[in-house]
Amino acid sequence: MKQAIHLEADSVTIEYCYDGLEICCRYGTLSICDVLVDRDIEQHLLNYIIDAANLQTKSKGKIVTKIDGIEYTINVKEYDNFGESAFELFVEPLTK
């Protein structure tokens, strides 16, 4: 998320692919993706997103976090991608 914020990404998508977990930063119609291939880290990341956004019984949630001293709200949407859970994350600075 830190890289996505610094690069001013519109959103981040996380979904399973053949080689592991694909993480894409989206900028309008352009996506820059990388694949996480460590299964332990994959599961830890997905469990964190589900728990932090309270997605056990719903498909949308929020995570409030601090990155580089600035608080952000990460709006999380879980959706079905060919029978598997996938996630889209939208980051915005927290306003008070």
Protein backbone atom coordinates (compact mmCIF):
# COMPACT_ATOMS: atom_id res chain seq x y z
CA MET A 1 0.00 0.00 0.00
CA LYS A 2 2.88 2.32 0.71
CA GLN A 3 4.10 2.05 -2.88
CA ALA A 4 0.58 2.51 -4.24
CA ILE A 5 0.19 5.69 -2.18
CA HIS A 6 3.54 7.10 -3.24
CA LEU A 7 2.79 6.30 -6.89
CA GLU A 8 -0.73 7.77 -6.57
CA ALA A 9 -2.48 4.60 -7.74
CA ASP A 10 -6.24 4.72 -8.24
CA SER A 11 -6.65 1.30 -6.66
CA VAL A 12 -4.92 -1.97 -5.83
CA THR A 13 -6.32 -5.35 -6.81
CA ILE A 14 -5.30 -8.63 -5.24
CA GLU A 15 -6.33 -11.91 -6.83
CA TYR A 16 -5.11 -15.45 -7.30
CA CYS A 17 -3.27 -16.39 -10.47
CA TYR A 18 -1.52 -19.55 -11.63
CA ASP A 19 1.83 -18.67 -10.00
CA GLY A 20 0.57 -17.18 -6.72
CA LEU A 21 -1.13 -13.98 -5.66
CA GLU A 22 -1.22 -11.19 -8.23
CA ILE A 23 -1.08 -7.66 -6.85
CA CYS A 24 -1.81 -4.85 -9.30
CA CYS A 25 -1.63 -1.09 -8.87
CA ARG A 26 -4.08 0.57 -11.25
CA TYR A 27 -3.65 4.00 -12.80
CA GLY A 28 -6.66 4.69 -15.00
CA THR A 29 -6.46 2.06 -17.74
CA LEU A 30 -2.85 1.05 -16.90
CA SER A 31 -1.98 -1.66 -14.37
CA ILE A 32 1.43 -2.51 -12.96
CA CYS A 33 1.41 -6.00 -11.47
CA ASP A 34 3.66 -8.33 -9.56
CA VAL A 35 3.12 -11.87 -8.30
CA LEU A 36 3.69 -12.89 -4.70
CA VAL A 37 4.81 -16.53 -4.74
CA ASP A 38 5.38 -17.20 -1.01
CA ARG A 39 2.27 -19.13 0.08
CA ASP A 40 2.76 -18.32 3.79
CA ILE A 41 2.94 -14.57 3.13
CA GLU A 42 -0.04 -14.82 0.75
CA GLN A 43 -2.23 -16.40 3.42
CA HIS A 44 -1.05 -13.95 6.09
CA LEU A 45 -1.85 -10.98 3.81
CA LEU A 46 -5.32 -12.27 2.92
CA ASN A 47 -6.13 -13.09 6.55
CA TYR A 48 -5.04 -9.59 7.58
CA ILE A 49 -7.25 -7.93 4.94
CA ILE A 50 -10.27 -10.06 5.87
CA ASP A 51 -9.83 -9.52 9.62
CA ALA A 52 -8.88 -5.83 9.52
CA ALA A 53 -11.74 -4.92 7.16
CA ASN A 54 -14.14 -7.25 9.02
CA LEU A 55 -15.07 -9.14 5.84
CA GLN A 56 -16.09 -12.40 7.54
CA THR A 57 -19.81 -11.74 6.88
CA LYS A 58 -19.84 -8.93 4.31
CA SER A 59 -18.16 -8.01 1.04
CA LYS A 60 -17.13 -4.42 1.84
CA GLY A 61 -15.18 -2.93 4.70
CA LYS A 62 -12.62 -0.34 5.76
CA ILE A 63 -9.16 -0.42 7.23
CA VAL A 64 -7.75 2.66 8.93
CA THR A 65 -3.96 2.72 8.98
CA LYS A 66 -1.07 5.12 9.28
CA ILE A 67 1.58 5.23 6.55
CA ASP A 68 4.53 7.62 6.81
CA GLY A 69 2.76 9.47 9.62
CA ILE A 70 -0.45 10.10 7.66
CA GLU A 71 -3.69 8.29 8.47
CA TYR A 72 -5.50 6.66 5.55
CA THR A 73 -8.77 4.86 5.05
CA ILE A 74 -8.48 1.82 2.82
CA ASN A 75 -11.87 0.88 1.41
CA VAL A 76 -11.88 -2.83 0.66
CA LYS A 77 -14.24 -4.68 -1.66
CA GLU A 78 -14.19 -8.47 -1.88
CA TYR A 79 -15.54 -10.02 -5.09
CA ASP A 80 -15.67 -13.36 -6.84
CA ASN A 81 -13.04 -14.00 -9.49
CA PHE A 82 -13.65 -17.36 -11.20
CA GLY A 83 -14.76 -18.97 -7.92
CA GLU A 84 -12.05 -17.47 -5.71
CA SER A 85 -12.03 -14.39 -3.53
CA ALA A 86 -10.34 -11.30 -4.91
CA PHE A 87 -9.99 -7.84 -3.42
CA GLU A 88 -9.98 -4.26 -4.64
CA LEU A 89 -8.56 -1.62 -2.32
CA PHE A 90 -9.07 2.13 -2.64
CA VAL A 91 -6.90 4.44 -0.55
CA GLU A 92 -7.84 7.91 0.63
CA PRO A 93 -6.35 10.21 3.28
CA LEU A 94 -8.37 10.17 6.49
CA THR A 95 -10.13 13.49 7.01
CA LYS A 96 -11.16 14.64 10.46
